[in-house]
Amino acid sequence: EHINIQVIDNGNGIPENIVSKIFEPFFTTKPTGKGTGLGLSMSYDIITNSHGGELKVETKKGEGTTFTITLLKQNI
């Protein structure tokens, strides 16, 4: 009934104090002029509003981060 797509890395993880902000428009950890902070916000909007899906993030300090996109087959 649904399809899951996962993007996984083995980096340092996303710090707890910013993980709740990463889908907010214009949020970035990059220096001024190096990023707009729209990538994850736009992705979230497209996946959830345009396709009725979900975009979730799981992160563990020192182990990495997993982004999971869930789409209903009927909405593809």
PDB file of N, CA and C in Angstrom:
ATOM      1  N   GLU A   1       0.811  -1.204   0.000  1.00  0.00           N
ATOM      2  CA  GLU A   1       0.000   0.000   0.000  1.00  0.00           C
ATOM      3  C   GLU A   1       0.849   1.261   0.000  1.00  0.00           C
ATOM      4  N   HIS A   2       2.105   1.152   0.414  1.00  0.00           N
ATOM      5  CA  HIS A   2       2.966   2.326   0.433  1.00  0.00           C
ATOM      6  C   HIS A   2       4.388   1.952   0.017  1.00  0.00           C
ATOM      7  N   ILE A   3       5.122   2.963  -0.310  1.00  0.00           N
ATOM      8  CA  ILE A   3       6.522   2.802  -0.700  1.00  0.00           C
ATOM      9  C   ILE A   3       7.362   3.647   0.238  1.00  0.00           C
ATOM     10  N   ASN A   4       8.451   3.067   0.745  1.00  0.00           N
ATOM     11  CA  ASN A   4       9.399   3.802   1.578  1.00  0.00           C
ATOM     12  C   ASN A   4      10.697   3.988   0.814  1.00  0.00           C
ATOM     13  N   ILE A   5      11.225   5.184   0.869  1.00  0.00           N
ATOM     14  CA  ILE A   5      12.531   5.496   0.306  1.00  0.00           C
ATOM     15  C   ILE A   5      13.366   6.029   1.459  1.00  0.00           C
ATOM     16  N   GLN A   6      14.546   5.454   1.658  1.00  0.00           N
ATOM     17  CA  GLN A   6      15.406   5.910   2.746  1.00  0.00           C
ATOM     18  C   GLN A   6      16.734   6.405   2.203  1.00  0.00           C
ATOM     19  N   VAL A   7      17.173   7.516   2.760  1.00  0.00           N
ATOM     20  CA  VAL A   7      18.495   8.053   2.491  1.00  0.00           C
ATOM     21  C   VAL A   7      19.238   8.019   3.825  1.00  0.00           C
ATOM     22  N   ILE A   8      20.332   7.276   3.863  1.00  0.00           N
ATOM     23  CA  ILE A   8      21.040   7.017   5.120  1.00  0.00           C
ATOM     24  C   ILE A   8      22.495   7.455   4.985  1.00  0.00           C
ATOM     25  N   ASP A   9      23.000   8.102   6.024  1.00  0.00           N
ATOM     26  CA  ASP A   9      24.435   8.393   6.056  1.00  0.00           C
ATOM     27  C   ASP A   9      25.029   7.879   7.360  1.00  0.00           C
ATOM     28  N   ASN A  10      26.332   7.838   7.406  1.00  0.00           N
ATOM     29  CA  ASN A  10      27.015   7.373   8.619  1.00  0.00           C
ATOM     30  C   ASN A  10      27.853   8.501   9.212  1.00  0.00           C
ATOM     31  N   GLY A  11      27.346   9.721   9.093  1.00  0.00           N
ATOM     32  CA  GLY A  11      28.053  10.893   9.605  1.00  0.00           C
ATOM     33  C   GLY A  11      27.890  11.062  11.101  1.00  0.00           C
ATOM     34  N   ASN A  12      28.013  12.300  11.550  1.00  0.00           N
ATOM     35  CA  ASN A  12      27.968  12.614  12.975  1.00  0.00           C
ATOM     36  C   ASN A  12      26.559  12.727  13.535  1.00  0.00           C
ATOM     37  N   GLY A  13      25.543  12.702  12.682  1.00  0.00           N
ATOM     38  CA  GLY A  13      24.179  12.922  13.137  1.00  0.00           C
ATOM     39  C   GLY A  13      23.872  14.399  13.217  1.00  0.00           C
ATOM     40  N   ILE A  14      22.607  14.717  13.395  1.00  0.00           N
ATOM     41  CA  ILE A  14      22.164  16.109  13.497  1.00  0.00           C
ATOM     42  C   ILE A  14      22.025  16.441  14.982  1.00  0.00           C
ATOM     43  N   PRO A  15      22.638  17.531  15.437  1.00  0.00           N
ATOM     44  CA  PRO A  15      22.528  17.887  16.854  1.00  0.00           C
ATOM     45  C   PRO A  15      21.070  18.045  17.303  1.00  0.00           C
ATOM     46  N   GLU A  16      20.796  17.597  18.514  1.00  0.00           N
ATOM     47  CA  GLU A  16      19.437  17.643  19.064  1.00  0.00           C
ATOM     48  C   GLU A  16      18.833  19.032  19.048  1.00  0.00           C
ATOM     49  N   ASN A  17      19.651  20.060  19.257  1.00  0.00           N
ATOM     50  CA  ASN A  17      19.112  21.418  19.356  1.00  0.00           C
ATOM     51  C   ASN A  17      18.681  21.983  18.004  1.00  0.00           C
ATOM     52  N   ILE A  18      18.994  21.321  16.892  1.00  0.00           N
ATOM     53  CA  ILE A  18      18.538  21.843  15.597  1.00  0.00           C
ATOM     54  C   ILE A  18      17.659  20.870  14.823  1.00  0.00           C
ATOM     55  N   VAL A  19      17.597  19.618  15.223  1.00  0.00           N
ATOM     56  CA  VAL A  19      16.838  18.638  14.444  1.00  0.00           C
ATOM     57  C   VAL A  19      15.366  19.038  14.292  1.00  0.00           C
ATOM     58  N   SER A  20      14.793  19.686  15.270  1.00  0.00           N
ATOM     59  CA  SER A  20      13.382  20.097  15.184  1.00  0.00           C
ATOM     60  C   SER A  20      13.182  21.273  14.231  1.00  0.00           C
ATOM     61  N   LYS A  21      14.262  21.902  13.788  1.00  0.00           N
ATOM     62  CA  LYS A  21      14.169  23.083  12.922  1.00  0.00           C
ATOM     63  C   LYS A  21      14.480  22.796  11.457  1.00  0.00           C
ATOM     64  N   ILE A  22      14.967  21.615  11.125  1.00  0.00           N
ATOM     65  CA  ILE A  22      15.525  21.393   9.794  1.00  0.00           C
ATOM     66  C   ILE A  22      14.510  21.484   8.656  1.00  0.00           C
ATOM     67  N   PHE A  23      13.228  21.322   8.929  1.00  0.00           N
ATOM     68  CA  PHE A  23      12.224  21.433   7.877  1.00  0.00           C
ATOM     69  C   PHE A  23      11.617  22.831   7.798  1.00  0.00           C
ATOM     70  N   GLU A  24      12.076  23.753   8.631  1.00  0.00           N
ATOM     71  CA  GLU A  24      11.576  25.132   8.611  1.00  0.00           C
ATOM     72  C   GLU A  24      12.194  25.904   7.438  1.00  0.00           C
ATOM     73  N   PRO A  25      11.377  26.720   6.749  1.00  0.00           N
ATOM     74  CA  PRO A  25      11.928  27.528   5.656  1.00  0.00           C
ATOM     75  C   PRO A  25      13.036  28.457   6.151  1.00  0.00           C
ATOM     76  N   PHE A  26      14.082  28.573   5.363  1.00  0.00           N
ATOM     77  CA  PHE A  26      15.225  29.467   5.581  1.00  0.00           C
ATOM     78  C   PHE A  26      16.134  29.062   6.727  1.00  0.00           C
ATOM     79  N   PHE A  27      15.914  27.877   7.334  1.00  0.00           N
ATOM     80  CA  PHE A  27      16.834  27.423   8.370  1.00  0.00           C
ATOM     81  C   PHE A  27      18.055  26.804   7.702  1.00  0.00           C
ATOM     82  N   THR A  28      19.213  27.253   8.078  1.00  0.00           N
ATOM     83  CA  THR A  28      20.457  26.699   7.555  1.00  0.00           C
ATOM     84  C   THR A  28      21.545  26.804   8.611  1.00  0.00           C
ATOM     85  N   THR A  29      22.479  25.889   8.536  1.00  0.00           N
ATOM     86  CA  THR A  29      23.645  25.948   9.411  1.00  0.00           C
ATOM     87  C   THR A  29      24.860  26.456   8.643  1.00  0.00           C
ATOM     88  N   LYS A  30      24.651  26.740   7.362  1.00  0.00           N
ATOM     89  CA  LYS A  30      25.746  27.227   6.519  1.00  0.00           C
ATOM     90  C   LYS A  30      25.970  28.719   6.738  1.00  0.00           C
ATOM     91  N   PRO A  31      27.168  29.197   6.425  1.00  0.00           N
ATOM     92  CA  PRO A  31      27.450  30.636   6.547  1.00  0.00           C
ATOM     93  C   PRO A  31      26.571  31.458   5.594  1.00  0.00           C
ATOM     94  N   THR A  32      26.372  32.719   5.902  1.00  0.00           N
ATOM     95  CA  THR A  32      25.584  33.622   5.063  1.00  0.00           C
ATOM     96  C   THR A  32      26.102  33.576   3.633  1.00  0.00           C
ATOM     97  N   GLY A  33      25.175  33.435   2.699  1.00  0.00           N
ATOM     98  CA  GLY A  33      25.527  33.396   1.292  1.00  0.00           C
ATOM     99  C   GLY A  33      25.880  32.016   0.763  1.00  0.00           C
ATOM    100  N   LYS A  34      25.944  31.027   1.621  1.00  0.00           N
ATOM    101  CA  LYS A  34      26.329  29.676   1.203  1.00  0.00           C
ATOM    102  C   LYS A  34      25.158  28.703   1.114  1.00  0.00           C
ATOM    103  N   GLY A  35      23.996  29.122   1.556  1.00  0.00           N
ATOM    104  CA  GLY A  35      22.825  28.257   1.489  1.00  0.00           C
ATOM    105  C   GLY A  35      21.571  29.046   1.784  1.00  0.00           C
ATOM    106  N   THR A  36      20.461  28.627   1.175  1.00  0.00           N
ATOM    107  CA  THR A  36      19.205  29.363   1.373  1.00  0.00           C
ATOM    108  C   THR A  36      18.350  28.777   2.489  1.00  0.00           C
ATOM    109  N   GLY A  37      18.584  27.530   2.851  1.00  0.00           N
ATOM    110  CA  GLY A  37      17.762  26.894   3.868  1.00  0.00           C
ATOM    111  C   GLY A  37      16.392  26.505   3.350  1.00  0.00           C
ATOM    112  N   LEU A  38      16.287  26.286   2.039  1.00  0.00           N
ATOM    113  CA  LEU A  38      14.989  25.940   1.459  1.00  0.00           C
ATOM    114  C   LEU A  38      14.892  24.489   1.001  1.00  0.00           C
ATOM    115  N   GLY A  39      16.009  23.794   0.905  1.00  0.00           N
ATOM    116  CA  GLY A  39      16.006  22.439   0.362  1.00  0.00           C
ATOM    117  C   GLY A  39      15.098  21.470   1.106  1.00  0.00           C
ATOM    118  N   LEU A  40      15.307  21.301   2.395  1.00  0.00           N
ATOM    119  CA  LEU A  40      14.481  20.364   3.164  1.00  0.00           C
ATOM    120  C   LEU A  40      13.060  20.883   3.351  1.00  0.00           C
ATOM    121  N   SER A  41      12.903  22.191   3.460  1.00  0.00           N
ATOM    122  CA  SER A  41      11.572  22.771   3.587  1.00  0.00           C
ATOM    123  C   SER A  41      10.737  22.493   2.337  1.00  0.00           C
ATOM    124  N   MET A  42      11.328  22.710   1.175  1.00  0.00           N
ATOM    125  CA  MET A  42      10.621  22.458  -0.086  1.00  0.00           C
ATOM    126  C   MET A  42      10.355  20.969  -0.271  1.00  0.00           C
ATOM    127  N   SER A  43      11.322  20.143   0.070  1.00  0.00           N
ATOM    128  CA  SER A  43      11.130  18.696  -0.034  1.00  0.00           C
ATOM    129  C   SER A  43       9.976  18.238   0.847  1.00  0.00           C
ATOM    130  N   TYR A  44       9.947  18.737   2.075  1.00  0.00           N
ATOM    131  CA  TYR A  44       8.874  18.390   3.007  1.00  0.00           C
ATOM    132  C   TYR A  44       7.514  18.793   2.435  1.00  0.00           C
ATOM    133  N   ASP A  45       7.433  20.005   1.900  1.00  0.00           N
ATOM    134  CA  ASP A  45       6.181  20.514   1.342  1.00  0.00           C
ATOM    135  C   ASP A  45       5.723  19.678   0.143  1.00  0.00           C
ATOM    136  N   ILE A  46       6.622  19.357  -0.747  1.00  0.00           N
ATOM    137  CA  ILE A  46       6.275  18.563  -1.925  1.00  0.00           C
ATOM    138  C   ILE A  46       5.801  17.171  -1.522  1.00  0.00           C
ATOM    139  N   ILE A  47       6.535  16.538  -0.631  1.00  0.00           N
ATOM    140  CA  ILE A  47       6.199  15.168  -0.228  1.00  0.00           C
ATOM    141  C   ILE A  47       4.889  15.120   0.551  1.00  0.00           C
ATOM    142  N   THR A  48       4.697  16.038   1.504  1.00  0.00           N
ATOM    143  CA  THR A  48       3.510  15.972   2.358  1.00  0.00           C
ATOM    144  C   THR A  48       2.277  16.605   1.718  1.00  0.00           C
ATOM    145  N   ASN A  49       2.418  17.809   1.190  1.00  0.00           N
ATOM    146  CA  ASN A  49       1.249  18.517   0.645  1.00  0.00           C
ATOM    147  C   ASN A  49       0.892  18.102  -0.771  1.00  0.00           C
ATOM    148  N   SER A  50       1.880  17.946  -1.620  1.00  0.00           N
ATOM    149  CA  SER A  50       1.596  17.615  -3.019  1.00  0.00           C
ATOM    150  C   SER A  50       1.314  16.134  -3.238  1.00  0.00           C
ATOM    151  N   HIS A  51       1.947  15.270  -2.434  1.00  0.00           N
ATOM    152  CA  HIS A  51       1.799  13.831  -2.650  1.00  0.00           C
ATOM    153  C   HIS A  51       1.149  13.092  -1.487  1.00  0.00           C
ATOM    154  N   GLY A  52       0.769  13.793  -0.431  1.00  0.00           N
ATOM    155  CA  GLY A  52       0.103  13.150   0.704  1.00  0.00           C
ATOM    156  C   GLY A  52       0.971  12.144   1.433  1.00  0.00           C
ATOM    157  N   GLY A  53       2.278  12.337   1.391  1.00  0.00           N
ATOM    158  CA  GLY A  53       3.197  11.404   2.030  1.00  0.00           C
ATOM    159  C   GLY A  53       3.761  11.943   3.326  1.00  0.00           C
ATOM    160  N   GLU A  54       4.824  11.309   3.764  1.00  0.00           N
ATOM    161  CA  GLU A  54       5.508  11.718   4.997  1.00  0.00           C
ATOM    162  C   GLU A  54       7.004  11.812   4.730  1.00  0.00           C
ATOM    163  N   LEU A  55       7.648  12.738   5.412  1.00  0.00           N
ATOM    164  CA  LEU A  55       9.105  12.843   5.412  1.00  0.00           C
ATOM    165  C   LEU A  55       9.534  12.906   6.866  1.00  0.00           C
ATOM    166  N   LYS A  56      10.276  11.891   7.280  1.00  0.00           N
ATOM    167  CA  LYS A  56      10.705  11.810   8.681  1.00  0.00           C
ATOM    168  C   LYS A  56      12.220  11.729   8.753  1.00  0.00           C
ATOM    169  N   VAL A  57      12.751  12.145   9.880  1.00  0.00           N
ATOM    170  CA  VAL A  57      14.188  12.076  10.107  1.00  0.00           C
ATOM    171  C   VAL A  57      14.456  11.363  11.425  1.00  0.00           C
ATOM    172  N   GLU A  58      15.444  10.480  11.402  1.00  0.00           N
ATOM    173  CA  GLU A  58      15.943   9.836  12.618  1.00  0.00           C
ATOM    174  C   GLU A  58      17.441  10.062  12.628  1.00  0.00           C
ATOM    175  N   THR A  59      17.963  10.490  13.760  1.00  0.00           N
ATOM    176  CA  THR A  59      19.378  10.770  13.842  1.00  0.00           C
ATOM    177  C   THR A  59      19.924  10.326  15.186  1.00  0.00           C
ATOM    178  N   LYS A  60      21.153   9.834  15.155  1.00  0.00           N
ATOM    179  CA  LYS A  60      21.824   9.418  16.387  1.00  0.00           C
ATOM    180  C   LYS A  60      23.218  10.020  16.388  1.00  0.00           C
ATOM    181  N   LYS A  61      23.535  10.687  17.476  1.00  0.00           N
ATOM    182  CA  LYS A  61      24.839  11.323  17.616  1.00  0.00           C
ATOM    183  C   LYS A  61      25.955  10.304  17.403  1.00  0.00           C
ATOM    184  N   GLY A  62      26.856  10.644  16.506  1.00  0.00           N
ATOM    185  CA  GLY A  62      27.998   9.788  16.245  1.00  0.00           C
ATOM    186  C   GLY A  62      27.717   8.571  15.380  1.00  0.00           C
ATOM    187  N   GLU A  63      26.458   8.368  14.983  1.00  0.00           N
ATOM    188  CA  GLU A  63      26.111   7.190  14.181  1.00  0.00           C
ATOM    189  C   GLU A  63      25.573   7.531  12.802  1.00  0.00           C
ATOM    190  N   GLY A  64      24.904   8.669  12.663  1.00  0.00           N
ATOM    191  CA  GLY A  64      24.375   9.044  11.364  1.00  0.00           C
ATOM    192  C   GLY A  64      22.913   9.430  11.390  1.00  0.00           C
ATOM    193  N   THR A  65      22.384   9.651  10.188  1.00  0.00           N
ATOM    194  CA  THR A  65      21.022  10.147  10.020  1.00  0.00           C
ATOM    195  C   THR A  65      20.318   9.358   8.931  1.00  0.00           C
ATOM    196  N   THR A  66      19.015   9.127   9.130  1.00  0.00           N
ATOM    197  CA  THR A  66      18.181   8.475   8.128  1.00  0.00           C
ATOM    198  C   THR A  66      16.976   9.357   7.846  1.00  0.00           C
ATOM    199  N   PHE A  67      16.793   9.693   6.580  1.00  0.00           N
ATOM    200  CA  PHE A  67      15.575  10.365   6.128  1.00  0.00           C
ATOM    201  C   PHE A  67      14.714   9.309   5.460  1.00  0.00           C
ATOM    202  N   THR A  68      13.434   9.242   5.855  1.00  0.00           N
ATOM    203  CA  THR A  68      12.513   8.271   5.283  1.00  0.00           C
ATOM    204  C   THR A  68      11.349   9.004   4.629  1.00  0.00           C
ATOM    205  N   ILE A  69      11.148   8.713   3.353  1.00  0.00           N
ATOM    206  CA  ILE A  69      10.021   9.245   2.593  1.00  0.00           C
ATOM    207  C   ILE A  69       9.025   8.103   2.452  1.00  0.00           C
ATOM    208  N   THR A  70       7.778   8.332   2.837  1.00  0.00           N
ATOM    209  CA  THR A  70       6.720   7.338   2.703  1.00  0.00           C
ATOM    210  C   THR A  70       5.643   7.918   1.800  1.00  0.00           C
ATOM    211  N   LEU A  71       5.342   7.196   0.733  1.00  0.00           N
ATOM    212  CA  LEU A  71       4.307   7.605  -0.222  1.00  0.00           C
ATOM    213  C   LEU A  71       3.295   6.482  -0.380  1.00  0.00           C
ATOM    214  N   LEU A  72       2.028   6.841  -0.438  1.00  0.00           N
ATOM    215  CA  LEU A  72       0.991   5.853  -0.726  1.00  0.00           C
ATOM    216  C   LEU A  72       1.035   5.548  -2.216  1.00  0.00           C
ATOM    217  N   LYS A  73       0.962   4.266  -2.582  1.00  0.00           N
ATOM    218  CA  LYS A  73       1.018   3.889  -3.997  1.00  0.00           C
ATOM    219  C   LYS A  73      -0.062   4.602  -4.804  1.00  0.00           C
ATOM    220  N   GLN A  74      -1.230   4.803  -4.216  1.00  0.00           N
ATOM    221  CA  GLN A  74      -2.332   5.449  -4.948  1.00  0.00           C
ATOM    222  C   GLN A  74      -2.052   6.899  -5.273  1.00  0.00           C
ATOM    223  N   ASN A  75      -1.098   7.528  -4.582  1.00  0.00           N
ATOM    224  CA  ASN A  75      -0.770   8.937  -4.817  1.00  0.00           C
ATOM    225  C   ASN A  75       0.425   9.123  -5.739  1.00  0.00           C
ATOM    226  N   ILE A  76       0.970   8.041  -6.248  1.00  0.00           N
ATOM    227  CA  ILE A  76       2.155   8.140  -7.113  1.00  0.00           C
ATOM    228  C   ILE A  76       1.733   8.256  -8.558  1.00  0.00           C
TER     229      ILE A  76
END
